[in-house]
Structures are given as C-alpha cells and as structure tokens.
Amino acid sequence: MALQVWETLKESITAYTGLSPATFFTVLALALAIYYMVSGMFGSSNQGHHQRSRDFEEQMQPLPPPVQLGEITLEELKQYDGSDSKKPLLMAIKGQIYDVSQSRMFYGPGGPYALFAGKDASRALAMMSFEEKDLTGDISGLGVFELEALQDWEYKFMSKYVTVGTVKSTIPVTDASNTSEPAETTDRDAAKSAEDGPSENAAVETVESTPNVDADKKE
C-alpha cells in the first residue's frame, strides 16, 4: 500500500512539475532553507527595532524634579556620572553643581561630553580640552580668552540647568590662634626689652658717676 502511494506521488510530481522526484525535493529543501534565513533576518531586525523603541521611550519619560544636594565633595560628585540611571546626571562649573539630566544624550554614557559628567570640568571647558588632566576645577594660570570662554559656559548652564549644590572646597583653613601666637611672642619680647632697657642705662650712669664722687672726697 505504501509502495503504491509512493509510486503515485512520483508520477504526480513528474506530471505536474516536469521534474524528477529527486530534483523536486532538492528544490523544496532549498526553498525552505531560504525562507528560514530570510525570516530570521527580519526577525532580528524587528527585535533591534523594538529595543531601540524601548530605549527611546525611556529617554522620553518625564524626568524627576532636581534634588538639592547642598555641599558635597568631588568624590561624592563622581557618583552622578550617569553610570547609574536611577541617579541624576550632574557636573560642576566653578564649584557650582548643575543637573544636566535633560541632556543625557550629550553628557550621559556614550555622549560626546560624557567625560565631563560627575566632575568639576571648569578647566577643561575653558580650554576646550578632553584630556583627563584638565578635568579639574582649578582655573589658575588660564588666559583672558580662556576665562571668557569659561564665563560663557557658566552663563549657558545657569540659564539652562538647575543648580543643585556646590563642591566642598579643599583649601585648608589656617588656624587664627596659631598665626597670632608669633605676634604675641614678639610683643612680649619687645615689652621685656623695654623693661630691661632703663635698668641697664641706670647701671651705666651709676658707674660713670662714681669717679666724680671720689674726686670730691680727695678735694
């Protein structure tokens, strides 16, 4: 029975397609392989499209209101470089910290200015430098044009972004009591010398007047 069905199928293939059964099944296998390849390509493309759509939707979600941090250290500022998407994206100019979360495409990971995030980038912005050594708030030694460029950046940030804190200064505070101690010591020495001065002069005068007394006695 099965043999009769197979013979009938072969005759039908030859009659309707003009191909031998072996050729027919070879063509059918190739067609199936091409179909799966094409469907796989379009399937991965659709997945990539959906992933990009989700990323875009995440970026378009409303941002939370800026959180005021007050005064923080540079080490604490590094936590807001965009590596943690749950934290705001911050950077500082001249010690003032700005929330730049709305410009994550520029200052976030992968953006053209990502290296400025989480740092006080005053010197780098003034010099338009992307070197690691210039990512600092130290602006000493800058020229007039560089300071003007930095001022322009500061005005731009002040008008566009919200200030959420300041960078804690690392300049050591000099103890006033230590600085005043040498002065007090000097004053005491001067007073002491003034007190000692008259006694020494009196002794000299006494010595000088003694010969005169002896001379009067001889007379």
N, C-alpha and C. Protein backbone atom coordinates (compact mmCIF):
# COMPACT_ATOMS: atom_id res chain seq x y z
N MET A 1 0.82 -1.21 0.00
CA MET A 1 0.00 0.00 0.00
C MET A 1 0.86 1.26 0.00
N ALA A 2 1.86 1.30 0.89
CA ALA A 2 2.75 2.46 0.96
C ALA A 2 3.54 2.60 -0.32
N LEU A 3 3.93 1.45 -0.89
CA LEU A 3 4.70 1.49 -2.14
C LEU A 3 3.86 2.05 -3.27
N GLN A 4 2.59 1.70 -3.31
CA GLN A 4 1.71 2.21 -4.35
C GLN A 4 1.53 3.73 -4.21
N VAL A 5 1.40 4.19 -2.97
CA VAL A 5 1.26 5.64 -2.73
C VAL A 5 2.50 6.37 -3.20
N TRP A 6 3.70 5.83 -2.90
CA TRP A 6 4.96 6.46 -3.31
C TRP A 6 5.08 6.52 -4.83
N GLU A 7 4.69 5.43 -5.50
CA GLU A 7 4.76 5.42 -6.96
C GLU A 7 3.79 6.43 -7.55
N THR A 8 2.61 6.53 -6.94
CA THR A 8 1.61 7.50 -7.42
C THR A 8 2.13 8.93 -7.22
N LEU A 9 2.79 9.19 -6.07
CA LEU A 9 3.33 10.52 -5.79
C LEU A 9 4.43 10.89 -6.77
N LYS A 10 5.29 9.96 -7.08
CA LYS A 10 6.37 10.24 -8.04
C LYS A 10 5.81 10.57 -9.41
N GLU A 11 4.78 9.81 -9.82
CA GLU A 11 4.17 10.08 -11.12
C GLU A 11 3.51 11.45 -11.13
N SER A 12 2.87 11.80 -10.03
CA SER A 12 2.21 13.12 -9.95
C SER A 12 3.23 14.24 -10.01
N ILE A 13 4.35 14.10 -9.29
CA ILE A 13 5.40 15.13 -9.31
C ILE A 13 5.93 15.32 -10.72
N THR A 14 6.18 14.21 -11.39
CA THR A 14 6.72 14.29 -12.76
C THR A 14 5.69 14.90 -13.69
N ALA A 15 4.42 14.56 -13.50
CA ALA A 15 3.38 15.04 -14.40
C ALA A 15 3.10 16.53 -14.19
N TYR A 16 3.08 17.00 -12.99
CA TYR A 16 2.69 18.39 -12.71
C TYR A 16 3.88 19.38 -12.73
N THR A 17 5.07 18.91 -12.43
CA THR A 17 6.23 19.84 -12.38
C THR A 17 7.22 19.60 -13.50
N GLY A 18 7.18 18.46 -14.09
CA GLY A 18 8.16 18.13 -15.12
C GLY A 18 9.53 17.83 -14.56
N LEU A 19 9.61 17.67 -13.23
CA LEU A 19 10.88 17.38 -12.58
C LEU A 19 10.87 15.97 -12.03
N SER A 20 12.05 15.44 -11.92
CA SER A 20 12.16 14.13 -11.29
C SER A 20 11.92 14.30 -9.79
N PRO A 21 11.47 13.26 -9.10
CA PRO A 21 11.23 13.38 -7.66
C PRO A 21 12.45 13.88 -6.90
N ALA A 22 13.65 13.42 -7.25
CA ALA A 22 14.86 13.86 -6.54
C ALA A 22 15.08 15.36 -6.71
N THR A 23 14.92 15.85 -7.95
CA THR A 23 15.09 17.28 -8.21
C THR A 23 14.03 18.10 -7.49
N PHE A 24 12.81 17.60 -7.49
CA PHE A 24 11.71 18.32 -6.82
C PHE A 24 11.99 18.49 -5.34
N PHE A 25 12.38 17.43 -4.66
CA PHE A 25 12.63 17.52 -3.22
C PHE A 25 13.86 18.37 -2.90
N THR A 26 14.85 18.38 -3.81
CA THR A 26 16.02 19.24 -3.61
C THR A 26 15.62 20.71 -3.68
N VAL A 27 14.81 21.04 -4.68
CA VAL A 27 14.33 22.42 -4.82
C VAL A 27 13.48 22.81 -3.61
N LEU A 28 12.66 21.91 -3.14
CA LEU A 28 11.81 22.19 -1.99
C LEU A 28 12.63 22.45 -0.73
N ALA A 29 13.70 21.67 -0.55
CA ALA A 29 14.56 21.86 0.62
C ALA A 29 15.27 23.21 0.57
N LEU A 30 15.76 23.59 -0.62
CA LEU A 30 16.41 24.90 -0.76
C LEU A 30 15.44 26.04 -0.49
N ALA A 31 14.21 25.89 -0.96
CA ALA A 31 13.22 26.94 -0.74
C ALA A 31 12.93 27.10 0.75
N LEU A 32 12.83 26.01 1.46
CA LEU A 32 12.59 26.09 2.90
C LEU A 32 13.77 26.73 3.63
N ALA A 33 14.99 26.37 3.21
CA ALA A 33 16.18 26.95 3.84
C ALA A 33 16.23 28.46 3.63
N ILE A 34 15.94 28.91 2.40
CA ILE A 34 15.94 30.34 2.12
C ILE A 34 14.86 31.06 2.93
N TYR A 35 13.72 30.43 3.07
CA TYR A 35 12.62 31.03 3.83
C TYR A 35 13.03 31.25 5.29
N TYR A 36 13.64 30.26 5.90
CA TYR A 36 14.04 30.39 7.30
C TYR A 36 15.14 31.43 7.47
N MET A 37 16.04 31.51 6.50
CA MET A 37 17.10 32.53 6.58
C MET A 37 16.52 33.94 6.52
N VAL A 38 15.62 34.16 5.58
CA VAL A 38 15.03 35.50 5.42
C VAL A 38 14.17 35.86 6.62
N SER A 39 13.38 34.92 7.11
CA SER A 39 12.54 35.20 8.27
C SER A 39 13.39 35.47 9.51
N GLY A 40 14.54 34.80 9.63
CA GLY A 40 15.43 35.05 10.76
C GLY A 40 16.04 36.44 10.70
N MET A 41 16.40 36.89 9.50
CA MET A 41 16.97 38.23 9.34
C MET A 41 15.95 39.30 9.72
N PHE A 42 14.74 39.16 9.23
CA PHE A 42 13.72 40.16 9.54
C PHE A 42 13.30 40.08 10.99
N GLY A 43 13.36 38.90 11.57
CA GLY A 43 13.01 38.76 12.97
C GLY A 43 13.99 39.47 13.87
N SER A 44 15.31 39.33 13.63
CA SER A 44 16.31 40.02 14.44
C SER A 44 16.25 41.51 14.24
N SER A 45 15.92 41.93 12.99
CA SER A 45 15.80 43.36 12.74
C SER A 45 14.65 43.95 13.53
N ASN A 46 13.56 43.20 13.59
CA ASN A 46 12.41 43.69 14.36
C ASN A 46 12.73 43.76 15.84
N GLN A 47 13.50 42.78 16.36
CA GLN A 47 13.88 42.82 17.76
C GLN A 47 14.75 44.03 18.06
N GLY A 48 15.71 44.33 17.15
CA GLY A 48 16.54 45.51 17.34
C GLY A 48 15.72 46.79 17.29
N HIS A 49 14.72 46.80 16.40
CA HIS A 49 13.85 47.97 16.31
C HIS A 49 13.06 48.16 17.60
N HIS A 50 12.54 47.05 18.14
CA HIS A 50 11.79 47.14 19.39
C HIS A 50 12.69 47.60 20.54
N GLN A 51 13.96 47.13 20.56
CA GLN A 51 14.88 47.54 21.61
C GLN A 51 15.16 49.03 21.54
N ARG A 52 15.38 49.53 20.31
CA ARG A 52 15.61 50.97 20.15
C ARG A 52 14.38 51.78 20.54
N SER A 53 13.21 51.23 20.25
CA SER A 53 11.97 51.92 20.62
C SER A 53 11.85 52.02 22.14
N ARG A 54 12.21 50.93 22.84
CA ARG A 54 12.14 50.96 24.29
C ARG A 54 13.13 51.96 24.87
N ASP A 55 14.35 51.99 24.30
CA ASP A 55 15.35 52.96 24.77
C ASP A 55 14.86 54.39 24.55
N PHE A 56 14.26 54.63 23.40
CA PHE A 56 13.77 55.97 23.10
C PHE A 56 12.64 56.35 24.06
N GLU A 57 11.77 55.38 24.35
CA GLU A 57 10.67 55.66 25.28
C GLU A 57 11.20 55.97 26.67
N GLU A 58 12.27 55.26 27.09
CA GLU A 58 12.85 55.54 28.39
C GLU A 58 13.42 56.95 28.46
N GLN A 59 14.05 57.38 27.34
CA GLN A 59 14.61 58.72 27.31
C GLN A 59 13.51 59.78 27.31
N MET A 60 12.36 59.46 26.73
CA MET A 60 11.28 60.43 26.63
C MET A 60 10.42 60.48 27.88
N GLN A 61 10.67 59.59 28.83
CA GLN A 61 9.90 59.64 30.06
C GLN A 61 10.20 60.92 30.83
N PRO A 62 9.21 61.50 31.51
CA PRO A 62 9.44 62.74 32.25
C PRO A 62 10.49 62.56 33.32
N LEU A 63 11.40 63.53 33.42
CA LEU A 63 12.47 63.45 34.40
C LEU A 63 11.96 63.83 35.79
N PRO A 64 12.49 63.20 36.82
CA PRO A 64 12.10 63.59 38.18
C PRO A 64 12.63 64.99 38.49
N PRO A 65 12.00 65.70 39.39
CA PRO A 65 12.47 67.06 39.73
C PRO A 65 13.86 67.01 40.32
N PRO A 66 14.69 68.02 40.06
CA PRO A 66 16.06 68.04 40.61
C PRO A 66 16.05 67.99 42.13
N VAL A 67 17.01 67.26 42.67
CA VAL A 67 17.14 67.11 44.12
C VAL A 67 18.31 67.97 44.60
N GLN A 68 18.06 68.83 45.57
CA GLN A 68 19.10 69.69 46.11
C GLN A 68 20.03 68.85 47.00
N LEU A 69 21.32 68.88 46.69
CA LEU A 69 22.30 68.08 47.42
C LEU A 69 23.07 68.89 48.45
N GLY A 70 23.05 70.21 48.34
CA GLY A 70 23.83 71.04 49.26
C GLY A 70 25.32 70.98 48.88
N GLU A 71 26.16 70.94 49.87
CA GLU A 71 27.61 70.93 49.64
C GLU A 71 28.13 69.49 49.70
N ILE A 72 28.76 69.03 48.62
CA ILE A 72 29.30 67.67 48.56
C ILE A 72 30.74 67.73 48.08
N THR A 73 31.47 66.65 48.28
CA THR A 73 32.86 66.57 47.86
C THR A 73 32.95 66.12 46.40
N LEU A 74 34.13 66.27 45.82
CA LEU A 74 34.34 65.81 44.45
C LEU A 74 34.19 64.30 44.35
N GLU A 75 34.57 63.59 45.40
CA GLU A 75 34.43 62.14 45.40
C GLU A 75 32.96 61.74 45.37
N GLU A 76 32.13 62.47 46.09
CA GLU A 76 30.70 62.19 46.08
C GLU A 76 30.07 62.58 44.75
N LEU A 77 30.61 63.60 44.11
CA LEU A 77 30.09 64.04 42.81
C LEU A 77 30.28 62.97 41.74
N LYS A 78 31.32 62.15 41.87
CA LYS A 78 31.60 61.10 40.88
C LYS A 78 30.47 60.08 40.79
N GLN A 79 29.65 59.97 41.83
CA GLN A 79 28.55 59.01 41.82
C GLN A 79 27.46 59.39 40.83
N TYR A 80 27.50 60.64 40.34
CA TYR A 80 26.45 61.14 39.45
C TYR A 80 26.97 61.34 38.03
N ASP A 81 27.78 60.38 37.55
CA ASP A 81 28.36 60.48 36.21
C ASP A 81 27.52 59.80 35.14
N GLY A 82 26.32 59.32 35.51
CA GLY A 82 25.44 58.69 34.54
C GLY A 82 25.54 57.18 34.49
N SER A 83 26.48 56.59 35.21
CA SER A 83 26.61 55.13 35.20
C SER A 83 25.42 54.47 35.88
N ASP A 84 24.79 55.16 36.81
CA ASP A 84 23.59 54.67 37.48
C ASP A 84 22.41 55.47 36.95
N SER A 85 21.57 54.82 36.15
CA SER A 85 20.45 55.52 35.51
C SER A 85 19.41 56.02 36.51
N LYS A 86 19.44 55.49 37.73
CA LYS A 86 18.47 55.92 38.74
C LYS A 86 18.88 57.22 39.42
N LYS A 87 20.14 57.63 39.23
CA LYS A 87 20.61 58.86 39.85
C LYS A 87 20.65 59.98 38.82
N PRO A 88 20.52 61.23 39.26
CA PRO A 88 20.59 62.35 38.30
C PRO A 88 21.99 62.47 37.72
N LEU A 89 22.06 63.11 36.58
CA LEU A 89 23.33 63.34 35.89
C LEU A 89 23.81 64.75 36.23
N LEU A 90 24.97 64.84 36.89
CA LEU A 90 25.45 66.12 37.39
C LEU A 90 26.84 66.43 36.87
N MET A 91 27.15 67.73 36.79
CA MET A 91 28.51 68.20 36.55
C MET A 91 28.62 69.61 37.14
N ALA A 92 29.85 70.03 37.36
CA ALA A 92 30.07 71.31 38.05
C ALA A 92 30.93 72.24 37.21
N ILE A 93 30.67 73.53 37.40
CA ILE A 93 31.48 74.60 36.80
C ILE A 93 31.76 75.62 37.89
N LYS A 94 33.04 75.88 38.14
CA LYS A 94 33.46 76.84 39.16
C LYS A 94 32.79 76.56 40.51
N GLY A 95 32.72 75.28 40.84
CA GLY A 95 32.20 74.89 42.14
C GLY A 95 30.70 74.78 42.24
N GLN A 96 29.96 75.23 41.21
CA GLN A 96 28.51 75.14 41.20
C GLN A 96 28.07 73.86 40.47
N ILE A 97 27.23 73.07 41.11
CA ILE A 97 26.80 71.78 40.55
C ILE A 97 25.47 71.95 39.83
N TYR A 98 25.40 71.45 38.59
CA TYR A 98 24.20 71.57 37.77
C TYR A 98 23.65 70.19 37.43
N ASP A 99 22.33 70.09 37.38
CA ASP A 99 21.66 68.86 36.98
C ASP A 99 21.46 68.89 35.47
N VAL A 100 22.23 68.07 34.74
CA VAL A 100 22.18 68.06 33.28
C VAL A 100 21.47 66.80 32.77
N SER A 101 20.59 66.25 33.58
CA SER A 101 19.89 65.01 33.21
C SER A 101 19.10 65.18 31.92
N GLN A 102 18.59 66.36 31.65
CA GLN A 102 17.80 66.58 30.44
C GLN A 102 18.66 66.51 29.17
N SER A 103 19.97 66.59 29.32
CA SER A 103 20.88 66.49 28.17
C SER A 103 21.72 65.23 28.28
N ARG A 104 21.08 64.14 28.69
CA ARG A 104 21.79 62.87 28.86
C ARG A 104 22.43 62.39 27.56
N MET A 105 21.84 62.73 26.42
CA MET A 105 22.40 62.29 25.14
C MET A 105 23.76 62.96 24.88
N PHE A 106 24.03 64.08 25.55
CA PHE A 106 25.32 64.75 25.38
C PHE A 106 26.29 64.41 26.52
N TYR A 107 25.78 64.42 27.75
CA TYR A 107 26.65 64.24 28.91
C TYR A 107 26.56 62.84 29.53
N GLY A 108 25.62 62.03 29.07
CA GLY A 108 25.48 60.68 29.59
C GLY A 108 26.46 59.72 28.94
N PRO A 109 26.49 58.46 29.39
CA PRO A 109 27.40 57.46 28.82
C PRO A 109 27.23 57.35 27.30
N GLY A 110 28.34 57.41 26.60
CA GLY A 110 28.31 57.35 25.15
C GLY A 110 28.15 58.70 24.47
N GLY A 111 27.87 59.75 25.23
CA GLY A 111 27.71 61.08 24.65
C GLY A 111 29.04 61.76 24.38
N PRO A 112 29.06 62.81 23.58
CA PRO A 112 30.32 63.49 23.23
C PRO A 112 30.99 64.17 24.42
N TYR A 113 30.21 64.54 25.43
CA TYR A 113 30.78 65.22 26.61
C TYR A 113 30.63 64.36 27.87
N ALA A 114 30.58 63.06 27.70
CA ALA A 114 30.36 62.16 28.84
C ALA A 114 31.48 62.25 29.88
N LEU A 115 32.69 62.57 29.45
CA LEU A 115 33.81 62.61 30.39
C LEU A 115 33.70 63.78 31.37
N PHE A 116 32.84 64.78 31.06
CA PHE A 116 32.66 65.91 31.98
C PHE A 116 31.71 65.58 33.13
N ALA A 117 30.87 64.58 32.96
CA ALA A 117 29.85 64.26 33.96
C ALA A 117 30.48 63.74 35.24
N GLY A 118 29.93 64.15 36.37
CA GLY A 118 30.43 63.71 37.66
C GLY A 118 31.71 64.39 38.08
N LYS A 119 32.05 65.50 37.43
CA LYS A 119 33.31 66.19 37.73
C LYS A 119 33.08 67.70 37.69
N ASP A 120 34.03 68.45 38.26
CA ASP A 120 34.09 69.89 38.05
C ASP A 120 35.00 70.09 36.84
N ALA A 121 34.39 70.39 35.71
CA ALA A 121 35.12 70.44 34.43
C ALA A 121 35.47 71.87 34.03
N SER A 122 35.67 72.75 34.99
CA SER A 122 35.90 74.16 34.68
C SER A 122 37.10 74.35 33.76
N ARG A 123 38.22 73.78 34.11
CA ARG A 123 39.44 73.99 33.32
C ARG A 123 39.31 73.38 31.93
N ALA A 124 38.72 72.19 31.84
CA ALA A 124 38.55 71.54 30.55
C ALA A 124 37.63 72.35 29.63
N LEU A 125 36.55 72.90 30.18
CA LEU A 125 35.65 73.70 29.36
C LEU A 125 36.31 75.00 28.91
N ALA A 126 37.08 75.61 29.80
CA ALA A 126 37.75 76.86 29.43
C ALA A 126 38.75 76.63 28.31
N MET A 127 39.44 75.50 28.34
CA MET A 127 40.47 75.20 27.34
C MET A 127 39.93 74.36 26.19
N MET A 128 38.65 73.96 26.28
CA MET A 128 38.05 73.03 25.32
C MET A 128 38.96 71.80 25.17
N SER A 129 39.32 71.26 26.30
CA SER A 129 40.23 70.12 26.35
C SER A 129 39.46 68.87 26.77
N PHE A 130 39.83 67.74 26.20
CA PHE A 130 39.24 66.46 26.56
C PHE A 130 40.26 65.56 27.23
N GLU A 131 41.32 66.15 27.76
CA GLU A 131 42.35 65.37 28.44
C GLU A 131 41.99 65.21 29.92
N GLU A 132 42.35 64.05 30.45
CA GLU A 132 41.99 63.72 31.82
C GLU A 132 42.59 64.71 32.81
N LYS A 133 43.79 65.19 32.54
CA LYS A 133 44.47 66.09 33.49
C LYS A 133 43.78 67.44 33.60
N ASP A 134 42.96 67.80 32.62
CA ASP A 134 42.28 69.10 32.66
C ASP A 134 40.88 69.01 33.26
N LEU A 135 40.47 67.83 33.67
CA LEU A 135 39.14 67.67 34.29
C LEU A 135 39.22 68.04 35.76
N THR A 136 39.34 69.32 36.02
CA THR A 136 39.51 69.83 37.37
C THR A 136 38.87 71.20 37.50
N GLY A 137 38.60 71.59 38.73
CA GLY A 137 38.06 72.92 38.97
C GLY A 137 39.12 73.98 39.14
N ASP A 138 40.39 73.59 39.04
CA ASP A 138 41.50 74.54 39.19
C ASP A 138 41.64 75.35 37.90
N ILE A 139 41.40 76.65 37.98
CA ILE A 139 41.49 77.51 36.79
C ILE A 139 42.66 78.48 36.90
N SER A 140 43.60 78.20 37.78
CA SER A 140 44.76 79.08 37.92
C SER A 140 45.63 78.99 36.67
N GLY A 141 46.20 80.13 36.26
CA GLY A 141 47.08 80.17 35.11
C GLY A 141 46.38 80.27 33.77
N LEU A 142 45.06 80.38 33.74
CA LEU A 142 44.34 80.49 32.46
C LEU A 142 44.45 81.91 31.93
N GLY A 143 44.42 82.04 30.60
CA GLY A 143 44.49 83.34 29.96
C GLY A 143 43.13 84.03 29.93
N VAL A 144 43.14 85.25 29.43
CA VAL A 144 41.92 86.06 29.40
C VAL A 144 40.86 85.40 28.52
N PHE A 145 41.26 84.94 27.34
CA PHE A 145 40.29 84.35 26.42
C PHE A 145 39.71 83.05 26.98
N GLU A 146 40.54 82.29 27.66
CA GLU A 146 40.05 81.04 28.27
C GLU A 146 39.07 81.33 29.39
N LEU A 147 39.34 82.34 30.18
CA LEU A 147 38.41 82.72 31.25
C LEU A 147 37.09 83.23 30.68
N GLU A 148 37.17 83.95 29.57
CA GLU A 148 35.94 84.42 28.92
C GLU A 148 35.13 83.25 28.39
N ALA A 149 35.83 82.25 27.81
CA ALA A 149 35.13 81.06 27.32
C ALA A 149 34.45 80.32 28.46
N LEU A 150 35.13 80.24 29.59
CA LEU A 150 34.53 79.60 30.76
C LEU A 150 33.32 80.37 31.26
N GLN A 151 33.41 81.69 31.20
CA GLN A 151 32.28 82.52 31.62
C GLN A 151 31.06 82.27 30.74
N ASP A 152 31.31 82.10 29.43
CA ASP A 152 30.21 81.81 28.51
C ASP A 152 29.55 80.47 28.85
N TRP A 153 30.37 79.47 29.16
CA TRP A 153 29.83 78.17 29.56
C TRP A 153 28.99 78.31 30.83
N GLU A 154 29.49 79.09 31.78
CA GLU A 154 28.77 79.25 33.04
C GLU A 154 27.42 79.92 32.81
N TYR A 155 27.38 80.96 31.97
CA TYR A 155 26.11 81.63 31.67
C TYR A 155 25.13 80.66 31.01
N LYS A 156 25.66 79.84 30.11
CA LYS A 156 24.81 78.87 29.41
C LYS A 156 24.19 77.89 30.40
N PHE A 157 24.99 77.36 31.32
CA PHE A 157 24.49 76.40 32.29
C PHE A 157 23.51 77.05 33.27
N MET A 158 23.81 78.29 33.66
CA MET A 158 22.92 78.98 34.60
C MET A 158 21.54 79.21 33.98
N SER A 159 21.50 79.44 32.68
CA SER A 159 20.22 79.72 32.02
C SER A 159 19.46 78.46 31.63
N LYS A 160 20.16 77.32 31.52
CA LYS A 160 19.53 76.10 31.01
C LYS A 160 19.27 75.06 32.08
N TYR A 161 20.17 74.96 33.08
CA TYR A 161 20.08 73.88 34.06
C TYR A 161 19.86 74.43 35.47
N VAL A 162 19.41 73.53 36.34
CA VAL A 162 19.12 73.90 37.73
C VAL A 162 20.36 73.63 38.58
N THR A 163 20.72 74.60 39.42
CA THR A 163 21.82 74.41 40.36
C THR A 163 21.31 73.60 41.55
N VAL A 164 22.02 72.50 41.85
CA VAL A 164 21.56 71.60 42.91
C VAL A 164 22.53 71.51 44.08
N GLY A 165 23.64 72.25 44.02
CA GLY A 165 24.58 72.20 45.12
C GLY A 165 25.90 72.85 44.77
N THR A 166 26.84 72.71 45.66
CA THR A 166 28.18 73.25 45.46
C THR A 166 29.21 72.19 45.82
N VAL A 167 30.42 72.36 45.26
CA VAL A 167 31.51 71.45 45.57
C VAL A 167 32.24 71.95 46.81
N LYS A 168 32.44 71.07 47.76
CA LYS A 168 33.11 71.44 49.00
C LYS A 168 34.55 71.81 48.71
N SER A 169 34.97 72.98 49.21
CA SER A 169 36.33 73.46 48.98
C SER A 169 37.33 72.60 49.72
N THR A 170 38.46 72.34 49.05
CA THR A 170 39.52 71.53 49.67
C THR A 170 40.68 72.38 50.16
N ILE A 171 40.53 73.73 50.14
CA ILE A 171 41.59 74.61 50.61
C ILE A 171 41.65 74.56 52.12
N PRO A 172 42.81 74.24 52.73
CA PRO A 172 42.87 74.13 54.19
C PRO A 172 42.68 75.48 54.86
N VAL A 173 41.97 75.47 55.97
CA VAL A 173 41.70 76.69 56.74
C VAL A 173 42.81 76.87 57.77
N THR A 174 43.46 78.03 57.76
CA THR A 174 44.55 78.30 58.70
C THR A 174 43.99 78.69 60.05
N ASP A 175 44.54 78.13 61.13
CA ASP A 175 44.07 78.42 62.49
C ASP A 175 44.55 79.80 62.90
N ALA A 176 43.60 80.67 63.23
CA ALA A 176 43.93 82.06 63.58
C ALA A 176 44.78 82.13 64.84
N SER A 177 44.56 81.19 65.81
CA SER A 177 45.32 81.24 67.06
C SER A 177 46.78 80.95 66.82
N ASN A 178 47.06 80.07 65.81
CA ASN A 178 48.47 79.77 65.52
C ASN A 178 49.17 80.94 64.87
N THR A 179 48.43 81.65 64.01
CA THR A 179 49.05 82.78 63.32
C THR A 179 49.28 83.95 64.26
N SER A 180 48.44 84.09 65.27
CA SER A 180 48.58 85.24 66.17
C SER A 180 49.61 85.00 67.25
N GLU A 181 50.01 83.74 67.48
CA GLU A 181 50.94 83.45 68.56
C GLU A 181 52.30 84.08 68.35
N PRO A 182 52.89 84.02 67.13
CA PRO A 182 54.19 84.68 66.95
C PRO A 182 54.13 86.17 67.22
N ALA A 183 53.02 86.80 66.83
CA ALA A 183 52.90 88.25 67.06
C ALA A 183 52.87 88.55 68.54
N GLU A 184 52.12 87.69 69.30
CA GLU A 184 52.06 87.91 70.72
C GLU A 184 53.42 87.72 71.37
N THR A 185 54.17 86.73 70.89
CA THR A 185 55.51 86.49 71.42
C THR A 185 56.42 87.67 71.17
N THR A 186 56.29 88.23 69.94
CA THR A 186 57.11 89.39 69.59
C THR A 186 56.79 90.57 70.50
N ASP A 187 55.47 90.76 70.77
CA ASP A 187 55.08 91.87 71.64
C ASP A 187 55.63 91.69 73.05
N ARG A 188 55.60 90.44 73.54
CA ARG A 188 56.13 90.20 74.89
C ARG A 188 57.63 90.46 74.94
N ASP A 189 58.35 90.04 73.88
CA ASP A 189 59.79 90.28 73.85
C ASP A 189 60.10 91.76 73.82
N ALA A 190 59.29 92.50 73.03
CA ALA A 190 59.53 93.95 72.95
C ALA A 190 59.27 94.61 74.30
N ALA A 191 58.21 94.18 74.98
CA ALA A 191 57.91 94.76 76.28
C ALA A 191 59.00 94.44 77.29
N LYS A 192 59.50 93.19 77.21
CA LYS A 192 60.55 92.79 78.14
C LYS A 192 61.81 93.60 77.93
N SER A 193 62.16 93.81 76.64
CA SER A 193 63.37 94.58 76.34
C SER A 193 63.21 96.03 76.81
N ALA A 194 61.95 96.54 76.69
CA ALA A 194 61.71 97.92 77.15
C ALA A 194 61.86 98.02 78.65
N GLU A 195 61.44 96.94 79.37
CA GLU A 195 61.59 96.96 80.81
C GLU A 195 63.05 96.84 81.23
N ASP A 196 63.80 96.04 80.50
CA ASP A 196 65.21 95.84 80.85
C ASP A 196 66.07 97.04 80.48
N GLY A 197 65.62 97.81 79.49
CA GLY A 197 66.44 98.91 78.99
C GLY A 197 66.77 99.94 80.05
N PRO A 198 65.83 100.50 80.81
CA PRO A 198 66.13 101.54 81.80
C PRO A 198 67.07 101.06 82.89
N SER A 199 66.96 99.80 83.33
CA SER A 199 67.83 99.31 84.41
C SER A 199 69.28 99.26 83.95
N GLU A 200 69.50 98.85 82.69
CA GLU A 200 70.87 98.81 82.18
C GLU A 200 71.44 100.22 82.08
N ASN A 201 70.63 101.18 81.60
CA ASN A 201 71.10 102.57 81.50
C ASN A 201 71.40 103.15 82.86
N ALA A 202 70.58 102.79 83.88
CA ALA A 202 70.82 103.30 85.23
C ALA A 202 72.12 102.78 85.77
N ALA A 203 72.44 101.53 85.47
CA ALA A 203 73.70 100.95 85.95
C ALA A 203 74.88 101.65 85.33
N VAL A 204 74.76 101.98 84.06
CA VAL A 204 75.86 102.68 83.39
C VAL A 204 76.04 104.06 84.00
N GLU A 205 74.95 104.76 84.28
CA GLU A 205 75.05 106.08 84.87
C GLU A 205 75.66 106.03 86.26
N THR A 206 75.36 105.00 87.02
CA THR A 206 75.91 104.85 88.37
C THR A 206 77.42 104.67 88.32
N VAL A 207 77.86 103.83 87.37
CA VAL A 207 79.31 103.59 87.21
C VAL A 207 80.02 104.87 86.83
N GLU A 208 79.38 105.64 85.93
CA GLU A 208 80.02 106.86 85.45
C GLU A 208 80.09 107.92 86.57
N SER A 209 79.10 107.95 87.44
CA SER A 209 79.08 108.99 88.48
C SER A 209 79.97 108.66 89.66
N THR A 210 80.44 107.43 89.84
CA THR A 210 81.28 107.03 90.98
C THR A 210 82.62 107.74 91.01
N PRO A 211 83.34 107.85 89.90
CA PRO A 211 84.63 108.57 89.93
C PRO A 211 84.46 110.03 90.36
N ASN A 212 83.41 110.64 90.01
CA ASN A 212 83.22 112.04 90.38
C ASN A 212 83.08 112.20 91.89
N VAL A 213 82.41 111.24 92.53
CA VAL A 213 82.26 111.30 93.99
C VAL A 213 83.60 111.15 94.68
N ASP A 214 84.46 110.22 94.19
CA ASP A 214 85.77 110.00 94.77
C ASP A 214 86.63 111.25 94.63
N ALA A 215 86.50 111.90 93.47
CA ALA A 215 87.30 113.11 93.26
C ALA A 215 86.90 114.21 94.24
N ASP A 216 85.62 114.33 94.57
CA ASP A 216 85.18 115.35 95.51
C ASP A 216 85.72 115.08 96.88
N LYS A 217 85.82 113.79 97.28
CA LYS A 217 86.34 113.46 98.61
C LYS A 217 87.81 113.84 98.74
N LYS A 218 88.60 113.63 97.65
CA LYS A 218 90.02 113.97 97.72
C LYS A 218 90.20 115.46 97.86
N GLU A 219 89.36 116.23 97.26
CA GLU A 219 89.49 117.66 97.37
C GLU A 219 89.17 118.12 98.79
